[in-house]
Structures are given as structure tokens and as C-alpha cells.
Protein backbone atom coordinates (compact mmCIF):
# COMPACT_ATOMS: atom_id res chain seq x y z
CA MET A 1 -112.41 47.15 106.49
CA THR A 2 -113.49 43.94 108.23
CA ALA A 3 -116.63 41.97 107.46
CA GLN A 4 -119.31 41.94 110.11
CA THR A 5 -121.81 39.17 110.74
CA LEU A 6 -125.47 39.65 111.49
CA GLN A 7 -127.25 36.81 113.20
CA LEU A 8 -131.04 36.77 113.46
CA THR A 9 -133.20 34.21 115.22
CA LEU A 10 -136.81 33.88 114.03
CA PRO A 11 -139.64 31.74 115.33
CA ASP A 12 -140.39 28.80 113.02
CA GLY A 13 -143.88 30.11 112.19
CA LEU A 14 -142.55 33.48 111.05
CA LEU A 15 -139.79 31.86 109.00
CA HIS A 16 -142.40 29.61 107.31
CA SER A 17 -144.62 32.63 106.53
CA ILE A 18 -141.71 34.49 104.98
CA ALA A 19 -140.76 31.46 102.87
CA GLN A 20 -144.36 31.07 101.66
CA ARG A 21 -144.58 34.72 100.66
CA VAL A 22 -141.28 34.55 98.79
CA ALA A 23 -142.53 31.48 96.89
CA GLU A 24 -145.75 33.33 95.95
CA LEU A 25 -143.78 36.33 94.70
CA LEU A 26 -141.50 34.12 92.63
CA GLN A 27 -144.51 32.57 90.89
CA GLN A 28 -145.88 35.94 89.77
CA PRO A 29 -145.21 36.95 86.18
CA ALA A 30 -142.60 39.65 85.58
CA GLY A 31 -144.42 42.91 86.01
CA GLY A 32 -145.96 41.78 89.29
CA THR A 33 -149.61 41.80 88.27
CA GLY A 34 -150.41 39.47 91.15
CA GLY A 35 -152.38 37.07 88.93
CA ALA A 36 -151.57 33.47 88.23
CA PRO A 37 -148.45 32.96 86.12
CA VAL A 38 -149.20 32.65 82.43
CA GLU A 39 -148.29 29.25 81.08
CA PRO A 40 -146.94 29.39 77.51
CA TRP A 41 -148.59 27.51 74.67
CA LEU A 42 -146.61 24.60 73.26
CA GLY A 43 -146.73 23.44 69.67
CA VAL A 44 -146.59 19.77 68.74
CA SER A 45 -142.78 19.58 68.67
CA GLU A 46 -142.46 21.44 72.00
CA ALA A 47 -145.12 19.16 73.52
CA ALA A 48 -143.17 16.13 72.31
CA GLY A 49 -140.02 17.57 73.85
CA TYR A 50 -141.85 18.20 77.14
CA LEU A 51 -143.07 14.59 77.24
CA ALA A 52 -139.76 13.25 75.85
CA CYS A 53 -141.55 11.35 73.10
CA PRO A 54 -141.70 11.44 69.31
CA VAL A 55 -144.02 13.91 67.60
CA SER A 56 -146.04 10.97 66.30
CA ARG A 57 -146.95 10.08 69.92
CA ILE A 58 -148.54 13.50 70.40
CA TYR A 59 -150.70 12.94 67.30
CA ASP A 60 -151.57 9.46 68.59
CA LEU A 61 -152.68 10.85 71.97
CA VAL A 62 -154.87 13.41 70.19
CA ALA A 63 -156.39 10.71 67.95
CA LEU A 64 -157.07 8.52 71.00
CA GLY A 65 -158.84 11.41 72.74
CA ARG A 66 -156.35 11.48 75.63
CA LEU A 67 -155.09 14.92 74.61
CA HIS A 68 -157.43 17.77 73.78
CA PRO A 69 -155.45 20.45 71.98
CA HIS A 70 -156.45 24.03 71.48
CA ARG A 71 -156.36 25.06 67.85
CA ASP A 72 -155.06 28.07 66.03
CA GLY A 73 -156.25 27.28 62.54
CA ARG A 74 -154.66 23.92 61.84
CA ARG A 75 -151.98 24.32 64.50
CA LEU A 76 -152.36 22.21 67.63
CA LEU A 77 -151.46 23.99 70.87
CA PHE A 78 -151.07 22.54 74.33
CA ARG A 79 -150.55 23.65 77.93
CA THR A 80 -148.17 21.66 80.09
CA ALA A 81 -151.00 21.01 82.57
CA ASP A 82 -152.98 19.31 79.76
CA LEU A 83 -149.95 17.20 78.84
CA ASP A 84 -149.47 16.18 82.47
CA ALA A 85 -153.17 15.29 82.75
CA ALA A 86 -152.98 13.09 79.64
CA LEU A 87 -150.19 11.07 81.22
CA ALA A 88 -152.16 10.67 84.43
CA GLN A 89 -155.09 9.01 82.62
């Protein structure tokens, strides 16, 4: 059996629309609920790994008021968007 080739020419606008839709679908959580992807919570050590800094730097940023953690009891929890925002200050 020989391989066959299919060639398809699409207008740029249609190709762009298809690429956008694929990107949207890839950002959906598994299960395809259609909502925004759920960003996982990071503990202090994971946050330090994300920012490539020592754990003590995370505590310093919290003490300085540049990071505003969510709390689960005494545990400090962060979202990557919050960590990114703290660096942008």
C-alpha cells in the first residue's frame, strides 16, 4: 500500500480562527467544562520553586506586604498569578 498526500489550502482568516479555537480548547480543564482552567494552589516551597528563590524570600515578600497569601489554617497558599504580580510591583 502506498501513502497518499492530502493538500488543503485555507484562507489566512480561517486558519487563524481554527488556531484560536484549538488554543481555547487546550486551555480548558480535562472534562471540558468550558470554564476557565483551574490554577492549582502552591505551598511555600512550591512558590519558592516557581520563583526560583529560597523559601525565606517567600516569607520576606509576605512580611513586606508584596505577597498576599491565602490561608488554610497556618498554611500559606499562593496562585501563580499572585506570585507573578508580586514580582511586577
